[in-house]
């Protein structure tokens, strides 16, 4: 599975969004290819900052949310959460 295939399978329904954007460039999280998705929800006035990452057939979605008014203030915290992600191996 590619990271874009995971994103397309898990992304929110467009009808529920006030706005949304997925930058075209990928980046790396814990050695995995990843994409970001930002959106504002229509009904619940919240913001979502999500990252989708893939390693072979395993995929991860790191989902951070906030009140829409706090989005820009909390974005650096969300970026730290995502950059600190590490897979656990058992």
PDB file of N, CA and C in Angstrom:
ATOM      1  N   UNK A   1       0.851  -1.169   0.000  1.00  0.00           N
ATOM      2  CA  UNK A   1       0.000   0.000   0.000  1.00  0.00           C
ATOM      3  C   UNK A   1       0.903   1.241   0.000  1.00  0.00           C
ATOM      4  N   UNK A   2       0.524   2.235  -0.775  1.00  0.00           N
ATOM      5  CA  UNK A   2       1.265   3.493  -0.762  1.00  0.00           C
ATOM      6  C   UNK A   2       0.634   4.446   0.247  1.00  0.00           C
ATOM      7  N   UNK A   3       1.385   5.471   0.601  1.00  0.00           N
ATOM      8  CA  UNK A   3       0.872   6.439   1.560  1.00  0.00           C
ATOM      9  C   UNK A   3      -0.329   7.195   0.988  1.00  0.00           C
ATOM     10  N   UNK A   4      -0.348   7.445  -0.308  1.00  0.00           N
ATOM     11  CA  UNK A   4      -1.490   8.124  -0.926  1.00  0.00           C
ATOM     12  C   UNK A   4      -2.713   7.209  -0.929  1.00  0.00           C
ATOM     13  N   UNK A   5      -2.526   5.906  -1.138  1.00  0.00           N
ATOM     14  CA  UNK A   5      -3.654   4.964  -1.067  1.00  0.00           C
ATOM     15  C   UNK A   5      -4.250   4.934   0.338  1.00  0.00           C
ATOM     16  N   UNK A   6      -3.399   4.961   1.368  1.00  0.00           N
ATOM     17  CA  UNK A   6      -3.900   5.003   2.745  1.00  0.00           C
ATOM     18  C   UNK A   6      -4.680   6.290   2.978  1.00  0.00           C
ATOM     19  N   UNK A   7      -4.128   7.402   2.549  1.00  0.00           N
ATOM     20  CA  UNK A   7      -4.814   8.690   2.707  1.00  0.00           C
ATOM     21  C   UNK A   7      -6.186   8.661   2.033  1.00  0.00           C
ATOM     22  N   UNK A   8      -6.252   8.174   0.803  1.00  0.00           N
ATOM     23  CA  UNK A   8      -7.526   8.146   0.078  1.00  0.00           C
ATOM     24  C   UNK A   8      -8.545   7.238   0.765  1.00  0.00           C
ATOM     25  N   UNK A   9      -8.076   6.142   1.379  1.00  0.00           N
ATOM     26  CA  UNK A   9      -8.984   5.215   2.068  1.00  0.00           C
ATOM     27  C   UNK A   9      -9.491   5.777   3.396  1.00  0.00           C
ATOM     28  N   UNK A  10      -8.689   6.602   4.063  1.00  0.00           N
ATOM     29  CA  UNK A  10      -9.012   7.054   5.414  1.00  0.00           C
ATOM     30  C   UNK A  10      -9.422   8.517   5.525  1.00  0.00           C
ATOM     31  N   UNK A  11      -9.307   9.288   4.461  1.00  0.00           N
ATOM     32  CA  UNK A  11      -9.577  10.726   4.552  1.00  0.00           C
ATOM     33  C   UNK A  11     -11.047  11.002   4.876  1.00  0.00           C
ATOM     34  N   UNK A  12     -11.321  12.142   5.485  1.00  0.00           N
ATOM     35  CA  UNK A  12     -12.707  12.494   5.821  1.00  0.00           C
ATOM     36  C   UNK A  12     -13.556  12.745   4.571  1.00  0.00           C
ATOM     37  N   UNK A  13     -14.853  12.599   4.726  1.00  0.00           N
ATOM     38  CA  UNK A  13     -15.786  12.911   3.642  1.00  0.00           C
ATOM     39  C   UNK A  13     -15.792  14.411   3.385  1.00  0.00           C
ATOM     40  N   UNK A  14     -15.700  14.808   2.137  1.00  0.00           N
ATOM     41  CA  UNK A  14     -15.627  16.224   1.762  1.00  0.00           C
ATOM     42  C   UNK A  14     -16.864  16.997   2.208  1.00  0.00           C
ATOM     43  N   UNK A  15     -18.023  16.363   2.218  1.00  0.00           N
ATOM     44  CA  UNK A  15     -19.267  17.044   2.587  1.00  0.00           C
ATOM     45  C   UNK A  15     -19.231  17.605   4.006  1.00  0.00           C
ATOM     46  N   UNK A  16     -18.423  17.003   4.881  1.00  0.00           N
ATOM     47  CA  UNK A  16     -18.364  17.425   6.277  1.00  0.00           C
ATOM     48  C   UNK A  16     -17.324  18.511   6.538  1.00  0.00           C
ATOM     49  N   UNK A  17     -16.559  18.887   5.511  1.00  0.00           N
ATOM     50  CA  UNK A  17     -15.452  19.816   5.702  1.00  0.00           C
ATOM     51  C   UNK A  17     -15.796  21.226   5.255  1.00  0.00           C
ATOM     52  N   UNK A  18     -15.340  22.189   6.014  1.00  0.00           N
ATOM     53  CA  UNK A  18     -15.428  23.581   5.609  1.00  0.00           C
ATOM     54  C   UNK A  18     -14.306  23.870   4.613  1.00  0.00           C
ATOM     55  N   UNK A  19     -13.108  23.348   4.905  1.00  0.00           N
ATOM     56  CA  UNK A  19     -11.974  23.444   3.994  1.00  0.00           C
ATOM     57  C   UNK A  19     -10.993  22.334   4.334  1.00  0.00           C
ATOM     58  N   UNK A  20     -10.157  21.978   3.378  1.00  0.00           N
ATOM     59  CA  UNK A  20      -9.153  20.956   3.600  1.00  0.00           C
ATOM     60  C   UNK A  20      -8.057  21.052   2.562  1.00  0.00           C
ATOM     61  N   UNK A  21      -6.835  20.675   2.953  1.00  0.00           N
ATOM     62  CA  UNK A  21      -5.714  20.709   2.031  1.00  0.00           C
ATOM     63  C   UNK A  21      -4.750  19.576   2.367  1.00  0.00           C
ATOM     64  N   UNK A  22      -4.219  18.943   1.330  1.00  0.00           N
ATOM     65  CA  UNK A  22      -3.157  17.943   1.483  1.00  0.00           C
ATOM     66  C   UNK A  22      -1.999  18.386   0.609  1.00  0.00           C
ATOM     67  N   UNK A  23      -0.913  18.877   1.240  1.00  0.00           N
ATOM     68  CA  UNK A  23       0.249  19.254   0.439  1.00  0.00           C
ATOM     69  C   UNK A  23       0.741  18.067  -0.381  1.00  0.00           C
ATOM     70  N   UNK A  24       1.172  18.322  -1.611  1.00  0.00           N
ATOM     71  CA  UNK A  24       1.600  17.240  -2.504  1.00  0.00           C
ATOM     72  C   UNK A  24       2.896  16.573  -2.057  1.00  0.00           C
ATOM     73  N   UNK A  25       3.773  17.316  -1.405  1.00  0.00           N
ATOM     74  CA  UNK A  25       5.059  16.738  -1.033  1.00  0.00           C
ATOM     75  C   UNK A  25       4.896  15.770   0.133  1.00  0.00           C
ATOM     76  N   UNK A  26       5.688  14.716   0.093  1.00  0.00           N
ATOM     77  CA  UNK A  26       5.724  13.756   1.196  1.00  0.00           C
ATOM     78  C   UNK A  26       6.885  14.130   2.118  1.00  0.00           C
ATOM     79  N   UNK A  27       6.904  13.535   3.289  1.00  0.00           N
ATOM     80  CA  UNK A  27       8.003  13.723   4.228  1.00  0.00           C
ATOM     81  C   UNK A  27       8.210  12.404   4.952  1.00  0.00           C
ATOM     82  N   UNK A  28       9.125  12.351   5.891  1.00  0.00           N
ATOM     83  CA  UNK A  28       9.462  11.103   6.564  1.00  0.00           C
ATOM     84  C   UNK A  28       9.116  11.177   8.044  1.00  0.00           C
ATOM     85  N   UNK A  29       8.451  10.132   8.529  1.00  0.00           N
ATOM     86  CA  UNK A  29       8.150   9.963   9.951  1.00  0.00           C
ATOM     87  C   UNK A  29       8.677   8.592  10.346  1.00  0.00           C
ATOM     88  N   UNK A  30       9.616   8.542  11.264  1.00  0.00           N
ATOM     89  CA  UNK A  30      10.195   7.273  11.727  1.00  0.00           C
ATOM     90  C   UNK A  30      10.638   6.398  10.554  1.00  0.00           C
ATOM     91  N   UNK A  31      11.218   7.017   9.537  1.00  0.00           N
ATOM     92  CA  UNK A  31      11.724   6.284   8.379  1.00  0.00           C
ATOM     93  C   UNK A  31      10.669   5.904   7.354  1.00  0.00           C
ATOM     94  N   UNK A  32       9.409   6.293   7.583  1.00  0.00           N
ATOM     95  CA  UNK A  32       8.320   5.953   6.660  1.00  0.00           C
ATOM     96  C   UNK A  32       7.927   7.169   5.838  1.00  0.00           C
ATOM     97  N   UNK A  33       7.502   6.918   4.592  1.00  0.00           N
ATOM     98  CA  UNK A  33       6.956   7.991   3.781  1.00  0.00           C
ATOM     99  C   UNK A  33       5.609   8.405   4.376  1.00  0.00           C
ATOM    100  N   UNK A  34       5.354   9.717   4.420  1.00  0.00           N
ATOM    101  CA  UNK A  34       4.127  10.217   5.043  1.00  0.00           C
ATOM    102  C   UNK A  34       3.591  11.421   4.269  1.00  0.00           C
ATOM    103  N   UNK A  35       2.281  11.674   4.443  1.00  0.00           N
ATOM    104  CA  UNK A  35       1.644  12.881   3.910  1.00  0.00           C
ATOM    105  C   UNK A  35       0.848  13.533   5.036  1.00  0.00           C
ATOM    106  N   UNK A  36       0.650  14.847   4.893  1.00  0.00           N
ATOM    107  CA  UNK A  36      -0.133  15.609   5.868  1.00  0.00           C
ATOM    108  C   UNK A  36      -1.492  15.961   5.286  1.00  0.00           C
ATOM    109  N   UNK A  37      -2.437  16.202   6.177  1.00  0.00           N
ATOM    110  CA  UNK A  37      -3.754  16.677   5.777  1.00  0.00           C
ATOM    111  C   UNK A  37      -4.247  17.631   6.851  1.00  0.00           C
ATOM    112  N   UNK A  38      -4.667  18.821   6.446  1.00  0.00           N
ATOM    113  CA  UNK A  38      -5.220  19.823   7.360  1.00  0.00           C
ATOM    114  C   UNK A  38      -6.653  20.075   6.948  1.00  0.00           C
ATOM    115  N   UNK A  39      -7.553  20.252   7.922  1.00  0.00           N
ATOM    116  CA  UNK A  39      -8.922  20.602   7.552  1.00  0.00           C
ATOM    117  C   UNK A  39      -9.640  21.296   8.696  1.00  0.00           C
ATOM    118  N   UNK A  40     -10.699  21.987   8.326  1.00  0.00           N
ATOM    119  CA  UNK A  40     -11.638  22.569   9.278  1.00  0.00           C
ATOM    120  C   UNK A  40     -12.969  21.868   9.071  1.00  0.00           C
ATOM    121  N   UNK A  41     -13.561  21.386  10.159  1.00  0.00           N
ATOM    122  CA  UNK A  41     -14.828  20.670  10.099  1.00  0.00           C
ATOM    123  C   UNK A  41     -15.980  21.652  10.100  1.00  0.00           C
ATOM    124  N   UNK A  42     -16.983  21.367   9.319  1.00  0.00           N
ATOM    125  CA  UNK A  42     -18.136  22.252   9.146  1.00  0.00           C
ATOM    126  C   UNK A  42     -19.023  22.315  10.397  1.00  0.00           C
ATOM    127  N   UNK A  43     -19.450  21.202  10.924  1.00  0.00           N
ATOM    128  CA  UNK A  43     -20.478  21.185  11.972  1.00  0.00           C
ATOM    129  C   UNK A  43     -19.946  21.373  13.390  1.00  0.00           C
ATOM    130  N   UNK A  44     -18.751  20.917  13.649  1.00  0.00           N
ATOM    131  CA  UNK A  44     -18.277  20.921  15.036  1.00  0.00           C
ATOM    132  C   UNK A  44     -17.213  21.973  15.314  1.00  0.00           C
ATOM    133  N   UNK A  45     -16.938  22.836  14.353  1.00  0.00           N
ATOM    134  CA  UNK A  45     -15.994  23.936  14.516  1.00  0.00           C
ATOM    135  C   UNK A  45     -14.675  23.484  15.115  1.00  0.00           C
ATOM    136  N   UNK A  46     -14.110  22.446  14.544  1.00  0.00           N
ATOM    137  CA  UNK A  46     -12.813  21.972  14.998  1.00  0.00           C
ATOM    138  C   UNK A  46     -11.853  21.881  13.819  1.00  0.00           C
ATOM    139  N   UNK A  47     -10.580  21.860  14.142  1.00  0.00           N
ATOM    140  CA  UNK A  47      -9.523  21.723  13.148  1.00  0.00           C
ATOM    141  C   UNK A  47      -8.882  20.351  13.312  1.00  0.00           C
ATOM    142  N   UNK A  48      -8.430  19.789  12.207  1.00  0.00           N
ATOM    143  CA  UNK A  48      -7.764  18.491  12.217  1.00  0.00           C
ATOM    144  C   UNK A  48      -6.427  18.627  11.517  1.00  0.00           C
ATOM    145  N   UNK A  49      -5.400  18.056  12.125  1.00  0.00           N
ATOM    146  CA  UNK A  49      -4.046  18.047  11.594  1.00  0.00           C
ATOM    147  C   UNK A  49      -3.638  16.577  11.605  1.00  0.00           C
ATOM    148  N   UNK A  50      -3.717  15.906  10.460  1.00  0.00           N
ATOM    149  CA  UNK A  50      -3.496  14.457  10.413  1.00  0.00           C
ATOM    150  C   UNK A  50      -2.276  14.124   9.564  1.00  0.00           C
ATOM    151  N   UNK A  51      -1.623  13.036   9.921  1.00  0.00           N
ATOM    152  CA  UNK A  51      -0.500  12.506   9.152  1.00  0.00           C
ATOM    153  C   UNK A  51      -0.773  11.036   8.872  1.00  0.00           C
ATOM    154  N   UNK A  52      -0.541  10.644   7.635  1.00  0.00           N
ATOM    155  CA  UNK A  52      -0.719   9.264   7.184  1.00  0.00           C
ATOM    156  C   UNK A  52       0.657   8.725   6.813  1.00  0.00           C
ATOM    157  N   UNK A  53       1.025   7.556   7.359  1.00  0.00           N
ATOM    158  CA  UNK A  53       2.334   6.964   7.098  1.00  0.00           C
ATOM    159  C   UNK A  53       2.173   5.476   6.800  1.00  0.00           C
ATOM    160  N   UNK A  54       3.063   4.947   5.966  1.00  0.00           N
ATOM    161  CA  UNK A  54       2.960   3.552   5.521  1.00  0.00           C
ATOM    162  C   UNK A  54       4.325   2.877   5.566  1.00  0.00           C
ATOM    163  N   UNK A  55       4.313   1.612   5.998  1.00  0.00           N
ATOM    164  CA  UNK A  55       5.486   0.736   5.923  1.00  0.00           C
ATOM    165  C   UNK A  55       4.982  -0.606   5.430  1.00  0.00           C
ATOM    166  N   UNK A  56       5.140  -0.867   4.136  1.00  0.00           N
ATOM    167  CA  UNK A  56       4.642  -2.107   3.549  1.00  0.00           C
ATOM    168  C   UNK A  56       3.131  -2.151   3.601  1.00  0.00           C
ATOM    169  N   UNK A  57       2.589  -3.188   4.262  1.00  0.00           N
ATOM    170  CA  UNK A  57       1.136  -3.323   4.378  1.00  0.00           C
ATOM    171  C   UNK A  57       0.574  -2.675   5.641  1.00  0.00           C
ATOM    172  N   UNK A  58       1.459  -2.160   6.505  1.00  0.00           N
ATOM    173  CA  UNK A  58       1.018  -1.509   7.749  1.00  0.00           C
ATOM    174  C   UNK A  58       0.934  -0.003   7.536  1.00  0.00           C
ATOM    175  N   UNK A  59      -0.128   0.588   8.064  1.00  0.00           N
ATOM    176  CA  UNK A  59      -0.296   2.030   7.947  1.00  0.00           C
ATOM    177  C   UNK A  59      -0.660   2.644   9.280  1.00  0.00           C
ATOM    178  N   UNK A  60      -0.299   3.902   9.455  1.00  0.00           N
ATOM    179  CA  UNK A  60      -0.588   4.638  10.672  1.00  0.00           C
ATOM    180  C   UNK A  60      -1.238   5.962  10.320  1.00  0.00           C
ATOM    181  N   UNK A  61      -2.207   6.380  11.140  1.00  0.00           N
ATOM    182  CA  UNK A  61      -2.797   7.704  11.027  1.00  0.00           C
ATOM    183  C   UNK A  61      -2.601   8.378  12.377  1.00  0.00           C
ATOM    184  N   UNK A  62      -1.870   9.479  12.368  1.00  0.00           N
ATOM    185  CA  UNK A  62      -1.658  10.270  13.576  1.00  0.00           C
ATOM    186  C   UNK A  62      -2.604  11.454  13.455  1.00  0.00           C
ATOM    187  N   UNK A  63      -3.584  11.518  14.330  1.00  0.00           N
ATOM    188  CA  UNK A  63      -4.680  12.468  14.198  1.00  0.00           C
ATOM    189  C   UNK A  63      -4.695  13.421  15.391  1.00  0.00           C
ATOM    190  N   UNK A  64      -4.453  14.703  15.140  1.00  0.00           N
ATOM    191  CA  UNK A  64      -4.492  15.732  16.173  1.00  0.00           C
ATOM    192  C   UNK A  64      -5.650  16.675  15.863  1.00  0.00           C
ATOM    193  N   UNK A  65      -6.418  17.031  16.882  1.00  0.00           N
ATOM    194  CA  UNK A  65      -7.564  17.925  16.676  1.00  0.00           C
ATOM    195  C   UNK A  65      -7.593  19.004  17.740  1.00  0.00           C
ATOM    196  N   UNK A  66      -8.218  20.111  17.380  1.00  0.00           N
ATOM    197  CA  UNK A  66      -8.362  21.221  18.310  1.00  0.00           C
ATOM    198  C   UNK A  66      -9.599  22.024  17.957  1.00  0.00           C
ATOM    199  N   UNK A  67      -9.965  22.933  18.849  1.00  0.00           N
ATOM    200  CA  UNK A  67     -10.976  23.922  18.534  1.00  0.00           C
ATOM    201  C   UNK A  67     -10.450  24.717  17.344  1.00  0.00           C
ATOM    202  N   UNK A  68     -11.305  25.068  16.409  1.00  0.00           N
ATOM    203  CA  UNK A  68     -10.862  25.782  15.208  1.00  0.00           C
ATOM    204  C   UNK A  68     -10.139  27.078  15.545  1.00  0.00           C
ATOM    205  N   UNK A  69     -10.519  27.731  16.624  1.00  0.00           N
ATOM    206  CA  UNK A  69      -9.870  28.987  17.015  1.00  0.00           C
ATOM    207  C   UNK A  69      -8.454  28.797  17.529  1.00  0.00           C
ATOM    208  N   UNK A  70      -8.102  27.583  17.973  1.00  0.00           N
ATOM    209  CA  UNK A  70      -6.777  27.299  18.530  1.00  0.00           C
ATOM    210  C   UNK A  70      -5.832  26.651  17.527  1.00  0.00           C
ATOM    211  N   UNK A  71      -6.272  26.451  16.298  1.00  0.00           N
ATOM    212  CA  UNK A  71      -5.499  25.699  15.320  1.00  0.00           C
ATOM    213  C   UNK A  71      -4.082  26.236  15.141  1.00  0.00           C
ATOM    214  N   UNK A  72      -3.929  27.510  14.856  1.00  0.00           N
ATOM    215  CA  UNK A  72      -2.593  28.050  14.585  1.00  0.00           C
ATOM    216  C   UNK A  72      -1.725  28.083  15.831  1.00  0.00           C
ATOM    217  N   UNK A  73      -2.327  28.278  16.970  1.00  0.00           N
ATOM    218  CA  UNK A  73      -1.564  28.288  18.228  1.00  0.00           C
ATOM    219  C   UNK A  73      -1.037  26.894  18.555  1.00  0.00           C
ATOM    220  N   UNK A  74      -1.829  25.850  18.263  1.00  0.00           N
ATOM    221  CA  UNK A  74      -1.447  24.480  18.614  1.00  0.00           C
ATOM    222  C   UNK A  74      -0.680  23.748  17.514  1.00  0.00           C
ATOM    223  N   UNK A  75      -0.614  24.307  16.330  1.00  0.00           N
ATOM    224  CA  UNK A  75       0.062  23.611  15.225  1.00  0.00           C
ATOM    225  C   UNK A  75       1.505  23.208  15.563  1.00  0.00           C
ATOM    226  N   UNK A  76       2.322  24.055  16.225  1.00  0.00           N
ATOM    227  CA  UNK A  76       3.672  23.599  16.593  1.00  0.00           C
ATOM    228  C   UNK A  76       3.659  22.379  17.519  1.00  0.00           C
ATOM    229  N   UNK A  77       2.695  22.305  18.430  1.00  0.00           N
ATOM    230  CA  UNK A  77       2.564  21.129  19.296  1.00  0.00           C
ATOM    231  C   UNK A  77       2.233  19.897  18.453  1.00  0.00           C
ATOM    232  N   UNK A  78       1.298  20.026  17.531  1.00  0.00           N
ATOM    233  CA  UNK A  78       0.941  18.901  16.666  1.00  0.00           C
ATOM    234  C   UNK A  78       2.150  18.440  15.864  1.00  0.00           C
ATOM    235  N   UNK A  79       2.946  19.372  15.359  1.00  0.00           N
ATOM    236  CA  UNK A  79       4.134  19.009  14.583  1.00  0.00           C
ATOM    237  C   UNK A  79       5.148  18.267  15.452  1.00  0.00           C
ATOM    238  N   UNK A  80       5.289  18.661  16.735  1.00  0.00           N
ATOM    239  CA  UNK A  80       6.189  17.935  17.643  1.00  0.00           C
ATOM    240  C   UNK A  80       5.668  16.528  17.914  1.00  0.00           C
ATOM    241  N   UNK A  81       4.353  16.387  18.092  1.00  0.00           N
ATOM    242  CA  UNK A  81       3.772  15.056  18.318  1.00  0.00           C
ATOM    243  C   UNK A  81       4.083  14.150  17.130  1.00  0.00           C
ATOM    244  N   UNK A  82       3.870  14.645  15.943  1.00  0.00           N
ATOM    245  CA  UNK A  82       4.096  13.838  14.739  1.00  0.00           C
ATOM    246  C   UNK A  82       5.574  13.519  14.561  1.00  0.00           C
ATOM    247  N   UNK A  83       6.445  14.490  14.761  1.00  0.00           N
ATOM    248  CA  UNK A  83       7.882  14.245  14.562  1.00  0.00           C
ATOM    249  C   UNK A  83       8.454  13.310  15.624  1.00  0.00           C
ATOM    250  N   UNK A  84       7.794  13.161  16.778  1.00  0.00           N
ATOM    251  CA  UNK A  84       8.290  12.276  17.823  1.00  0.00           C
ATOM    252  C   UNK A  84       7.735  10.850  17.712  1.00  0.00           C
ATOM    253  N   UNK A  85       6.883  10.595  16.715  1.00  0.00           N
ATOM    254  CA  UNK A  85       6.272   9.271  16.570  1.00  0.00           C
ATOM    255  C   UNK A  85       7.331   8.212  16.257  1.00  0.00           C
ATOM    256  N   UNK A  86       7.254   7.084  16.980  1.00  0.00           N
ATOM    257  CA  UNK A  86       8.119   5.924  16.722  1.00  0.00           C
ATOM    258  C   UNK A  86       7.289   4.668  16.835  1.00  0.00           C
ATOM    259  N   UNK A  87       7.480   3.776  15.884  1.00  0.00           N
ATOM    260  CA  UNK A  87       6.783   2.482  15.923  1.00  0.00           C
ATOM    261  C   UNK A  87       7.372   1.632  17.042  1.00  0.00           C
ATOM    262  N   UNK A  88       6.518   0.863  17.697  1.00  0.00           N
ATOM    263  CA  UNK A  88       6.953  -0.094  18.699  1.00  0.00           C
ATOM    264  C   UNK A  88       7.040  -1.464  18.053  1.00  0.00           C
ATOM    265  N   UNK A  89       8.100  -2.157  18.283  1.00  0.00           N
ATOM    266  CA  UNK A  89       8.280  -3.496  17.709  1.00  0.00           C
ATOM    267  C   UNK A  89       8.231  -4.507  18.826  1.00  0.00           C
ATOM    268  N   UNK A  90       7.405  -5.527  18.652  1.00  0.00           N
ATOM    269  CA  UNK A  90       7.258  -6.574  19.672  1.00  0.00           C
ATOM    270  C   UNK A  90       7.884  -7.843  19.187  1.00  0.00           C
TER     271      UNK A  90
END
